[in-house]
Amino acid sequence: MAVRYWALATEDPLSEAVGRRLLAELPGPIEVSPTLQHRGRGYLRKKTKSWVQMSQRQGVLLLTDLDRLECPLALLGDWLKGQTTPPSLLLRIAVRTVESWVLSDHAVMRALIGVRATLPPRPDELPNPKQHLLKLAQRAPRDIRLDLLKQHGAMACQGLGYNSRLSEWIRSAWSPSRAAEISPSLRRARERLRARDAQLAFRS
């Protein structure tokens, strides 16, 4: 089987870690290259035409957050402006942020922040999944708290080790298949990704 190349464009390091895990689920051989990340949603939206052009040569997975927008379809319409996109371009939206996907693997989330944590049964319905995760982290073991929570007086809403701690946890413990049982937006993302990758495999 020929190697299938997927570019990965994300808002931040945490989304990149999640995207890599989703791509790692695909039947090999898969090469993730290039990765374009850490510049926020505005940058991803601005470069939509570039992603369309890149997808003429290989698969392109874009991950972004819905945030406060009402509907994923509205976001898709705003980005794509009605243009026909190649089958190898996949834009998926975490409802409302990628933290809802992270929270959806209850088994390993409890192992991370403590077995007594009361985890949300429907993380996609949280108004702010990131803030919910940070609230849960307040009762986590000390080393987890130090990484995830901001220090007193800091400008950021999260700790300096937030992305590195959670990204490593996603690589080593988080399961997209378990999380997709709880998160509908993640389940749809996995289904669409598998379908698009199957098309790439057929073409190659």
C-alpha atoms as a PDB file:
ATOM      1  CA  MET A   1       0.000   0.000   0.000  1.00  0.00           C
ATOM      2  CA  ALA A   2       1.353   3.421  -0.957  1.00  0.00           C
ATOM      3  CA  VAL A   3       2.053   6.005   1.743  1.00  0.00           C
ATOM      4  CA  ARG A   4      -0.774   8.512   2.138  1.00  0.00           C
ATOM      5  CA  TYR A   5       0.217  12.035   3.116  1.00  0.00           C
ATOM      6  CA  TRP A   6      -1.940  14.171   5.367  1.00  0.00           C
ATOM      7  CA  ALA A   7      -1.194  17.797   6.192  1.00  0.00           C
ATOM      8  CA  LEU A   8      -2.467  18.882   9.609  1.00  0.00           C
ATOM      9  CA  ALA A   9      -3.489  22.485  10.288  1.00  0.00           C
ATOM     10  CA  THR A  10      -4.590  23.372  13.829  1.00  0.00           C
ATOM     11  CA  GLU A  11      -5.107  26.329  16.123  1.00  0.00           C
ATOM     12  CA  ASP A  12      -2.733  25.325  18.911  1.00  0.00           C
ATOM     13  CA  PRO A  13      -0.480  22.542  20.285  1.00  0.00           C
ATOM     14  CA  LEU A  14      -3.357  20.756  22.001  1.00  0.00           C
ATOM     15  CA  SER A  15      -5.376  20.558  18.787  1.00  0.00           C
ATOM     16  CA  GLU A  16      -2.289  19.300  16.977  1.00  0.00           C
ATOM     17  CA  ALA A  17      -1.888  16.463  19.491  1.00  0.00           C
ATOM     18  CA  VAL A  18      -5.537  15.503  19.017  1.00  0.00           C
ATOM     19  CA  GLY A  19      -5.220  15.689  15.232  1.00  0.00           C
ATOM     20  CA  ARG A  20      -2.179  13.446  15.261  1.00  0.00           C
ATOM     21  CA  ARG A  21      -4.033  10.872  17.353  1.00  0.00           C
ATOM     22  CA  LEU A  22      -6.935  10.899  14.906  1.00  0.00           C
ATOM     23  CA  LEU A  23      -4.602  10.423  11.957  1.00  0.00           C
ATOM     24  CA  ALA A  24      -2.740   7.669  13.797  1.00  0.00           C
ATOM     25  CA  GLU A  25      -5.978   5.662  13.872  1.00  0.00           C
ATOM     26  CA  LEU A  26      -6.050   5.404  10.092  1.00  0.00           C
ATOM     27  CA  PRO A  27      -4.775   2.204   8.488  1.00  0.00           C
ATOM     28  CA  GLY A  28      -1.143   2.740   7.541  1.00  0.00           C
ATOM     29  CA  PRO A  29       1.085   3.758   6.077  1.00  0.00           C
ATOM     30  CA  ILE A  30       0.304   7.407   6.922  1.00  0.00           C
ATOM     31  CA  GLU A  31       2.742  10.319   6.867  1.00  0.00           C
ATOM     32  CA  VAL A  32       1.707  13.519   8.680  1.00  0.00           C
ATOM     33  CA  SER A  33       3.434  16.332   6.801  1.00  0.00           C
ATOM     34  CA  PRO A  34       3.439  19.236   6.940  1.00  0.00           C
ATOM     35  CA  THR A  35       1.975  20.399  10.255  1.00  0.00           C
ATOM     36  CA  LEU A  36       0.794  24.006  10.374  1.00  0.00           C
ATOM     37  CA  GLN A  37      -0.240  25.132  13.808  1.00  0.00           C
ATOM     38  CA  HIS A  38      -0.268  27.466  16.762  1.00  0.00           C
ATOM     39  CA  ARG A  39      -1.477  30.594  14.965  1.00  0.00           C
ATOM     40  CA  GLY A  40      -5.142  30.576  15.916  1.00  0.00           C
ATOM     41  CA  ARG A  41      -8.396  30.297  14.014  1.00  0.00           C
ATOM     42  CA  GLY A  42      -7.991  33.600  12.194  1.00  0.00           C
ATOM     43  CA  TYR A  43      -4.858  32.346  10.489  1.00  0.00           C
ATOM     44  CA  LEU A  44      -6.503  29.064   9.477  1.00  0.00           C
ATOM     45  CA  ARG A  45      -9.477  30.891   8.006  1.00  0.00           C
ATOM     46  CA  LYS A  46      -7.281  33.378   6.150  1.00  0.00           C
ATOM     47  CA  LYS A  47      -5.360  30.541   4.493  1.00  0.00           C
ATOM     48  CA  THR A  48      -8.430  28.610   3.295  1.00  0.00           C
ATOM     49  CA  LYS A  49      -7.454  28.980  -0.376  1.00  0.00           C
ATOM     50  CA  SER A  50      -4.002  27.607   0.419  1.00  0.00           C
ATOM     51  CA  TRP A  51      -5.514  24.554   2.094  1.00  0.00           C
ATOM     52  CA  VAL A  52      -7.716  23.964  -0.963  1.00  0.00           C
ATOM     53  CA  GLN A  53      -4.672  24.159  -3.244  1.00  0.00           C
ATOM     54  CA  MET A  54      -2.647  21.838  -1.011  1.00  0.00           C
ATOM     55  CA  SER A  55      -5.469  19.312  -0.985  1.00  0.00           C
ATOM     56  CA  GLN A  56      -5.062  18.869  -4.739  1.00  0.00           C
ATOM     57  CA  ARG A  57      -1.832  16.989  -3.943  1.00  0.00           C
ATOM     58  CA  GLN A  58      -2.562  15.278  -0.604  1.00  0.00           C
ATOM     59  CA  GLY A  59      -4.983  14.998   2.281  1.00  0.00           C
ATOM     60  CA  VAL A  60      -5.444  18.093   4.440  1.00  0.00           C
ATOM     61  CA  LEU A  61      -7.072  17.936   7.881  1.00  0.00           C
ATOM     62  CA  LEU A  62      -8.071  21.259   9.450  1.00  0.00           C
ATOM     63  CA  LEU A  63      -9.187  21.291  13.077  1.00  0.00           C
ATOM     64  CA  THR A  64     -10.779  24.363  14.605  1.00  0.00           C
ATOM     65  CA  ASP A  65     -13.064  25.248  17.514  1.00  0.00           C
ATOM     66  CA  LEU A  66     -16.672  26.365  17.254  1.00  0.00           C
ATOM     67  CA  ASP A  67     -16.206  28.633  20.279  1.00  0.00           C
ATOM     68  CA  ARG A  68     -19.215  30.967  20.641  1.00  0.00           C
ATOM     69  CA  LEU A  69     -20.597  30.526  17.133  1.00  0.00           C
ATOM     70  CA  GLU A  70     -24.074  29.069  17.013  1.00  0.00           C
ATOM     71  CA  CYS A  71     -23.701  26.473  14.305  1.00  0.00           C
ATOM     72  CA  PRO A  72     -20.846  24.486  12.696  1.00  0.00           C
ATOM     73  CA  LEU A  73     -22.540  24.871   9.299  1.00  0.00           C
ATOM     74  CA  ALA A  74     -22.321  28.654   9.622  1.00  0.00           C
ATOM     75  CA  LEU A  75     -18.594  28.406  10.260  1.00  0.00           C
ATOM     76  CA  LEU A  76     -18.114  26.103   7.289  1.00  0.00           C
ATOM     77  CA  GLY A  77     -20.058  28.472   5.067  1.00  0.00           C
ATOM     78  CA  ASP A  78     -18.026  31.454   6.230  1.00  0.00           C
ATOM     79  CA  TRP A  79     -14.724  29.713   5.553  1.00  0.00           C
ATOM     80  CA  LEU A  80     -15.540  28.014   2.258  1.00  0.00           C
ATOM     81  CA  LYS A  81     -17.759  30.752   0.729  1.00  0.00           C
ATOM     82  CA  GLY A  82     -19.689  28.214  -1.291  1.00  0.00           C
ATOM     83  CA  GLN A  83     -16.653  26.922  -3.160  1.00  0.00           C
ATOM     84  CA  THR A  84     -16.451  23.262  -4.030  1.00  0.00           C
ATOM     85  CA  THR A  85     -13.725  21.650  -1.993  1.00  0.00           C
ATOM     86  CA  PRO A  86     -11.705  18.606  -3.036  1.00  0.00           C
ATOM     87  CA  PRO A  87     -12.580  15.359  -1.247  1.00  0.00           C
ATOM     88  CA  SER A  88      -9.085  15.326   0.251  1.00  0.00           C
ATOM     89  CA  LEU A  89      -9.753  18.530   2.235  1.00  0.00           C
ATOM     90  CA  LEU A  90     -11.470  17.916   5.573  1.00  0.00           C
ATOM     91  CA  LEU A  91     -12.444  20.763   7.895  1.00  0.00           C
ATOM     92  CA  ARG A  92     -13.723  19.519  11.254  1.00  0.00           C
ATOM     93  CA  ILE A  93     -15.027  21.570  14.152  1.00  0.00           C
ATOM     94  CA  ALA A  94     -14.779  20.744  17.848  1.00  0.00           C
ATOM     95  CA  VAL A  95     -17.956  21.712  19.711  1.00  0.00           C
ATOM     96  CA  ARG A  96     -17.272  24.026  21.404  1.00  0.00           C
ATOM     97  CA  THR A  97     -13.515  23.633  21.832  1.00  0.00           C
ATOM     98  CA  VAL A  98     -11.097  20.748  21.514  1.00  0.00           C
ATOM     99  CA  GLU A  99     -11.232  20.410  25.301  1.00  0.00           C
ATOM    100  CA  SER A 100     -14.701  18.890  24.923  1.00  0.00           C
ATOM    101  CA  TRP A 101     -13.060  16.035  23.003  1.00  0.00           C
ATOM    102  CA  VAL A 102     -10.349  15.784  25.637  1.00  0.00           C
ATOM    103  CA  LEU A 103     -12.905  15.600  28.465  1.00  0.00           C
ATOM    104  CA  SER A 104     -14.870  12.880  26.704  1.00  0.00           C
ATOM    105  CA  ASP A 105     -12.447  10.067  27.521  1.00  0.00           C
ATOM    106  CA  HIS A 106     -13.640   9.708  31.096  1.00  0.00           C
ATOM    107  CA  ALA A 107     -11.498   6.699  31.934  1.00  0.00           C
ATOM    108  CA  VAL A 108      -8.125   8.358  31.507  1.00  0.00           C
ATOM    109  CA  MET A 109      -9.342  11.827  32.457  1.00  0.00           C
ATOM    110  CA  ARG A 110     -10.086  10.509  35.944  1.00  0.00           C
ATOM    111  CA  ALA A 111      -6.620   8.975  36.052  1.00  0.00           C
ATOM    112  CA  LEU A 112      -5.184  12.391  35.201  1.00  0.00           C
ATOM    113  CA  ILE A 113      -7.122  14.687  37.526  1.00  0.00           C
ATOM    114  CA  GLY A 114      -8.376  12.295  40.197  1.00  0.00           C
ATOM    115  CA  VAL A 115     -10.887   9.468  40.551  1.00  0.00           C
ATOM    116  CA  ARG A 116     -13.330  11.664  42.495  1.00  0.00           C
ATOM    117  CA  ALA A 117     -13.786  14.066  39.604  1.00  0.00           C
ATOM    118  CA  THR A 118     -17.355  14.465  38.389  1.00  0.00           C
ATOM    119  CA  LEU A 119     -16.961  14.554  34.631  1.00  0.00           C
ATOM    120  CA  PRO A 120     -19.563  16.074  32.296  1.00  0.00           C
ATOM    121  CA  PRO A 121     -21.789  13.464  30.614  1.00  0.00           C
ATOM    122  CA  ARG A 122     -22.133  15.620  27.471  1.00  0.00           C
ATOM    123  CA  PRO A 123     -19.013  17.771  27.060  1.00  0.00           C
ATOM    124  CA  ASP A 124     -20.135  19.059  23.648  1.00  0.00           C
ATOM    125  CA  GLU A 125     -22.951  20.910  25.417  1.00  0.00           C
ATOM    126  CA  LEU A 126     -20.680  22.816  27.791  1.00  0.00           C
ATOM    127  CA  PRO A 127     -20.575  26.577  27.063  1.00  0.00           C
ATOM    128  CA  ASN A 128     -16.826  26.654  27.789  1.00  0.00           C
ATOM    129  CA  PRO A 129     -15.159  23.214  27.934  1.00  0.00           C
ATOM    130  CA  LYS A 130     -11.718  24.681  28.607  1.00  0.00           C
ATOM    131  CA  GLN A 131     -12.861  26.544  31.691  1.00  0.00           C
ATOM    132  CA  HIS A 132     -14.667  23.423  32.854  1.00  0.00           C
ATOM    133  CA  LEU A 133     -11.463  21.423  32.520  1.00  0.00           C
ATOM    134  CA  LEU A 134      -9.510  24.058  34.440  1.00  0.00           C
ATOM    135  CA  LYS A 135     -12.114  24.007  37.201  1.00  0.00           C
ATOM    136  CA  LEU A 136     -11.782  20.233  37.485  1.00  0.00           C
ATOM    137  CA  ALA A 137      -8.009  20.601  37.625  1.00  0.00           C
ATOM    138  CA  GLN A 138      -8.268  22.645  40.833  1.00  0.00           C
ATOM    139  CA  ARG A 139      -8.679  19.376  42.750  1.00  0.00           C
ATOM    140  CA  ALA A 140      -6.105  17.407  40.742  1.00  0.00           C
ATOM    141  CA  PRO A 141      -2.774  16.178  42.157  1.00  0.00           C
ATOM    142  CA  ARG A 142      -0.324  18.986  42.859  1.00  0.00           C
ATOM    143  CA  ASP A 143       1.945  18.445  39.841  1.00  0.00           C
ATOM    144  CA  ILE A 144      -1.067  18.477  37.518  1.00  0.00           C
ATOM    145  CA  ARG A 145      -2.407  21.666  39.115  1.00  0.00           C
ATOM    146  CA  LEU A 146       0.938  23.397  38.710  1.00  0.00           C
ATOM    147  CA  ASP A 147       0.998  22.624  35.005  1.00  0.00           C
ATOM    148  CA  LEU A 148      -2.634  23.287  34.112  1.00  0.00           C
ATOM    149  CA  LEU A 149      -3.604  26.222  36.311  1.00  0.00           C
ATOM    150  CA  LYS A 150      -2.289  29.737  35.965  1.00  0.00           C
ATOM    151  CA  GLN A 151      -0.159  31.199  38.700  1.00  0.00           C
ATOM    152  CA  HIS A 152      -1.446  34.100  40.758  1.00  0.00           C
ATOM    153  CA  GLY A 153      -1.126  37.342  38.826  1.00  0.00           C
ATOM    154  CA  ALA A 154      -0.439  35.668  35.483  1.00  0.00           C
ATOM    155  CA  MET A 155      -2.120  37.093  32.394  1.00  0.00           C
ATOM    156  CA  ALA A 156      -2.817  33.749  30.723  1.00  0.00           C
ATOM    157  CA  CYS A 157      -5.969  31.804  31.582  1.00  0.00           C
ATOM    158  CA  GLN A 158      -3.978  28.574  31.910  1.00  0.00           C
ATOM    159  CA  GLY A 159      -0.738  27.303  33.354  1.00  0.00           C
ATOM    160  CA  LEU A 160       2.563  27.387  31.498  1.00  0.00           C
ATOM    161  CA  GLY A 161       2.545  23.600  31.241  1.00  0.00           C
ATOM    162  CA  TYR A 162      -1.068  23.310  30.048  1.00  0.00           C
ATOM    163  CA  ASN A 163      -0.365  22.405  26.438  1.00  0.00           C
ATOM    164  CA  SER A 164       2.709  20.270  27.068  1.00  0.00           C
ATOM    165  CA  ARG A 165       1.098  18.257  29.889  1.00  0.00           C
ATOM    166  CA  LEU A 166      -2.160  17.599  28.051  1.00  0.00           C
ATOM    167  CA  SER A 167      -0.461  16.969  24.698  1.00  0.00           C
ATOM    168  CA  GLU A 168       1.760  14.278  26.197  1.00  0.00           C
ATOM    169  CA  TRP A 169      -1.272  12.768  27.940  1.00  0.00           C
ATOM    170  CA  ILE A 170      -3.164  12.691  24.644  1.00  0.00           C
ATOM    171  CA  ARG A 171      -0.257  10.942  22.921  1.00  0.00           C
ATOM    172  CA  SER A 172       0.138   8.332  25.641  1.00  0.00           C
ATOM    173  CA  ALA A 173      -3.297   7.726  27.160  1.00  0.00           C
ATOM    174  CA  TRP A 174      -6.258   9.450  25.479  1.00  0.00           C
ATOM    175  CA  SER A 175      -8.410   7.248  23.226  1.00  0.00           C
ATOM    176  CA  PRO A 176     -10.357   8.830  20.345  1.00  0.00           C
ATOM    177  CA  SER A 177     -12.631   5.785  20.148  1.00  0.00           C
ATOM    178  CA  ARG A 178     -13.633   6.013  23.820  1.00  0.00           C
ATOM    179  CA  ALA A 179     -14.059   9.774  23.641  1.00  0.00           C
ATOM    180  CA  ALA A 180     -16.211   9.501  20.507  1.00  0.00           C
ATOM    181  CA  GLU A 181     -18.748   7.451  22.464  1.00  0.00           C
ATOM    182  CA  ILE A 182     -19.572  10.631  24.406  1.00  0.00           C
ATOM    183  CA  SER A 183     -18.746  13.457  21.978  1.00  0.00           C
ATOM    184  CA  PRO A 184     -20.949  13.570  18.843  1.00  0.00           C
ATOM    185  CA  SER A 185     -18.707  16.137  17.133  1.00  0.00           C
ATOM    186  CA  LEU A 186     -15.670  13.901  17.642  1.00  0.00           C
ATOM    187  CA  ARG A 187     -17.592  10.872  16.398  1.00  0.00           C
ATOM    188  CA  ARG A 188     -18.495  12.728  13.202  1.00  0.00           C
ATOM    189  CA  ALA A 189     -14.907  13.880  12.758  1.00  0.00           C
ATOM    190  CA  ARG A 190     -13.585  10.325  12.992  1.00  0.00           C
ATOM    191  CA  GLU A 191     -16.207   9.028  10.570  1.00  0.00           C
ATOM    192  CA  ARG A 192     -15.503  11.739   7.989  1.00  0.00           C
ATOM    193  CA  LEU A 193     -11.753  11.287   8.326  1.00  0.00           C
ATOM    194  CA  ARG A 194     -11.952   7.543   7.738  1.00  0.00           C
ATOM    195  CA  ALA A 195     -14.164   8.092   4.701  1.00  0.00           C
ATOM    196  CA  ARG A 196     -11.858  10.710   3.175  1.00  0.00           C
ATOM    197  CA  ASP A 197      -8.781   8.583   3.830  1.00  0.00           C
ATOM    198  CA  ALA A 198     -10.430   5.614   2.124  1.00  0.00           C
ATOM    199  CA  GLN A 199     -10.916   7.816  -0.941  1.00  0.00           C
ATOM    200  CA  LEU A 200      -7.228   8.752  -0.893  1.00  0.00           C
ATOM    201  CA  ALA A 201      -6.242   5.104  -0.615  1.00  0.00           C
ATOM    202  CA  PHE A 202      -8.459   4.222  -3.599  1.00  0.00           C
ATOM    203  CA  ARG A 203      -6.923   6.995  -5.723  1.00  0.00           C
ATOM    204  CA  SER A 204      -3.377   5.884  -4.886  1.00  0.00           C
END
